[in-house]
Amino acid sequence: MQHTDWLVYKQSMTLGQAPHESKTKLLEAMLKVVRTKGYSAARVEDVCAEAGVTKGSFFHHFKSKEELALAAVALWDAQTLEFFAAAPYHRAADPLDRLIAYIEFRKALLTGDLPDFTCFAGTIVQEAYRTHPE
């Protein structure tokens, strides 16, 4: 373990958090805040409040809201890939049963609260297109 890694680890332990727990909290909070409010309306303060961390912690892990957003897109991609790969509709052998199971799966996604089925990456892309269509 390098000296700086040890200092980060020691400091995080004194705050009662694992070394990367606050980073994970920030990523998850970014997903939630953007899916609820949109990217443009999401402020660093909102993300920190949702994550339960300080702005100092935010800037320890990320240089900017944009850097956090890129990391959150990567997390979203990994989570979504895993979620859809494990979806039950893949197990149906019959094509018609698989199609019906897929429709039921997608329908179930829509029964939750809006942020639960809002696409994080889609939200960012839609906002980026509105402000930078070229």
Protein backbone atom coordinates (compact mmCIF):
# COMPACT_ATOMS: atom_id res chain seq x y z
CA MET A 1 0.00 0.00 0.00
CA GLN A 2 1.45 3.38 -0.98
CA HIS A 3 1.80 6.09 1.65
CA THR A 4 -1.00 8.22 0.17
CA ASP A 5 -3.31 5.20 -0.01
CA TRP A 6 -2.64 4.50 3.66
CA LEU A 7 -3.41 8.11 4.60
CA VAL A 8 -6.70 8.01 2.69
CA TYR A 9 -7.55 4.68 4.31
CA LYS A 10 -6.64 5.88 7.81
CA GLN A 11 -8.59 9.12 7.38
CA SER A 12 -11.65 7.29 6.07
CA MET A 13 -11.55 4.86 8.98
CA THR A 14 -11.53 7.74 11.45
CA LEU A 15 -14.66 9.04 9.76
CA GLY A 16 -16.28 5.62 10.03
CA GLN A 17 -16.31 4.87 6.32
CA ALA A 18 -14.44 2.38 4.18
CA PRO A 19 -11.91 4.00 1.81
CA HIS A 20 -14.24 4.19 -1.19
CA GLU A 21 -17.60 4.16 0.56
CA SER A 22 -18.09 7.89 0.08
CA LYS A 23 -17.21 7.59 -3.63
CA THR A 24 -19.79 4.83 -4.05
CA LYS A 25 -22.36 6.90 -2.19
CA LEU A 26 -21.67 9.85 -4.49
CA LEU A 27 -22.08 7.70 -7.61
CA GLU A 28 -25.36 6.23 -6.38
CA ALA A 29 -26.57 9.67 -5.31
CA MET A 30 -25.74 11.10 -8.74
CA LEU A 31 -27.83 8.39 -10.38
CA LYS A 32 -30.77 9.20 -8.13
CA VAL A 33 -30.54 12.99 -8.29
CA VAL A 34 -30.20 13.12 -12.09
CA ARG A 35 -33.02 10.62 -12.59
CA THR A 36 -35.21 12.74 -10.29
CA LYS A 37 -34.26 16.32 -11.22
CA GLY A 38 -32.34 16.07 -14.47
CA TYR A 39 -28.65 16.70 -15.06
CA SER A 40 -28.80 20.47 -15.45
CA ALA A 41 -30.78 20.91 -12.23
CA ALA A 42 -28.58 18.53 -10.26
CA ARG A 43 -26.18 20.53 -8.10
CA VAL A 44 -23.09 19.23 -6.34
CA GLU A 45 -24.80 20.23 -3.08
CA ASP A 46 -27.82 18.05 -3.96
CA VAL A 47 -25.62 15.06 -4.71
CA CYS A 48 -23.64 15.52 -1.49
CA ALA A 49 -26.83 15.84 0.56
CA GLU A 50 -28.28 12.69 -1.02
CA ALA A 51 -25.02 10.82 -0.43
CA GLY A 52 -24.64 12.13 3.11
CA VAL A 53 -21.11 13.37 2.45
CA THR A 54 -19.38 16.75 2.50
CA LYS A 55 -18.40 18.83 -0.52
CA GLY A 56 -14.82 18.22 0.53
CA SER A 57 -15.41 14.50 0.09
CA PHE A 58 -16.96 15.18 -3.31
CA PHE A 59 -13.91 17.11 -4.50
CA HIS A 60 -11.58 14.51 -3.04
CA HIS A 61 -13.06 11.95 -5.45
CA PHE A 62 -14.16 14.08 -8.42
CA LYS A 63 -12.88 17.30 -10.00
CA SER A 64 -16.31 18.38 -11.18
CA LYS A 65 -19.94 17.46 -11.63
CA GLU A 66 -19.07 16.45 -15.19
CA GLU A 67 -16.40 14.00 -14.01
CA LEU A 68 -18.88 12.46 -11.56
CA ALA A 69 -21.46 12.21 -14.35
CA LEU A 70 -19.04 10.29 -16.58
CA ALA A 71 -18.23 7.89 -13.75
CA ALA A 72 -21.93 7.51 -13.01
CA VAL A 73 -22.63 6.68 -16.67
CA ALA A 74 -20.04 3.89 -16.46
CA LEU A 75 -21.66 2.59 -13.27
CA TRP A 76 -25.12 2.83 -14.85
CA ASP A 77 -23.90 0.92 -17.89
CA ALA A 78 -22.48 -1.89 -15.75
CA GLN A 79 -25.56 -2.09 -13.53
CA THR A 80 -27.96 -2.02 -16.46
CA LEU A 81 -26.03 -4.66 -18.40
CA GLU A 82 -26.05 -6.97 -15.38
CA PHE A 83 -29.73 -6.26 -14.65
CA PHE A 84 -30.92 -7.03 -18.18
CA ALA A 85 -28.60 -10.02 -18.59
CA ALA A 86 -30.17 -11.60 -15.50
CA ALA A 87 -33.75 -10.78 -16.54
CA PRO A 88 -36.11 -13.77 -16.42
CA TYR A 89 -37.35 -13.43 -20.01
CA HIS A 90 -34.07 -14.95 -21.24
CA ARG A 91 -35.03 -18.30 -19.72
CA ALA A 92 -38.10 -18.87 -21.89
CA ALA A 93 -37.28 -21.38 -24.63
CA ASP A 94 -40.28 -20.64 -26.84
CA PRO A 95 -39.93 -17.36 -28.79
CA LEU A 96 -43.54 -16.32 -28.11
CA ASP A 97 -43.15 -17.05 -24.38
CA ARG A 98 -39.89 -15.08 -24.41
CA LEU A 99 -41.61 -12.11 -26.07
CA ILE A 100 -44.48 -12.19 -23.57
CA ALA A 101 -42.03 -12.50 -20.68
CA TYR A 102 -40.07 -9.54 -22.07
CA ILE A 103 -43.21 -7.41 -22.27
CA GLU A 104 -44.13 -8.39 -18.70
CA PHE A 105 -40.61 -7.56 -17.57
CA ARG A 106 -40.73 -4.10 -19.18
CA LYS A 107 -44.23 -3.52 -17.82
CA ALA A 108 -43.02 -4.33 -14.30
CA LEU A 109 -40.28 -1.71 -14.68
CA LEU A 110 -42.94 0.93 -15.26
CA THR A 111 -44.88 0.21 -12.07
CA GLY A 112 -42.33 1.90 -9.79
CA ASP A 113 -41.69 5.55 -9.08
CA LEU A 114 -40.53 7.61 -12.05
CA PRO A 115 -36.84 7.74 -10.98
CA ASP A 116 -36.87 3.95 -10.66
CA PHE A 117 -37.37 3.42 -14.38
CA THR A 118 -35.93 6.61 -15.82
CA CYS A 119 -32.83 5.96 -17.88
CA PHE A 120 -29.87 7.83 -16.40
CA ALA A 121 -27.89 7.90 -19.64
CA GLY A 122 -31.01 8.82 -21.63
CA THR A 123 -31.70 11.77 -19.34
CA ILE A 124 -28.18 13.11 -19.85
CA VAL A 125 -28.27 12.55 -23.62
CA GLN A 126 -31.64 14.30 -23.99
CA GLU A 127 -30.44 17.31 -22.01
CA ALA A 128 -27.14 17.45 -23.92
CA TYR A 129 -28.98 17.35 -27.23
CA ARG A 130 -31.27 20.21 -26.18
CA THR A 131 -28.33 22.39 -25.19
CA HIS A 132 -25.74 21.18 -27.75
CA PRO A 133 -27.62 19.80 -30.81
CA GLU A 134 -24.59 19.92 -33.10
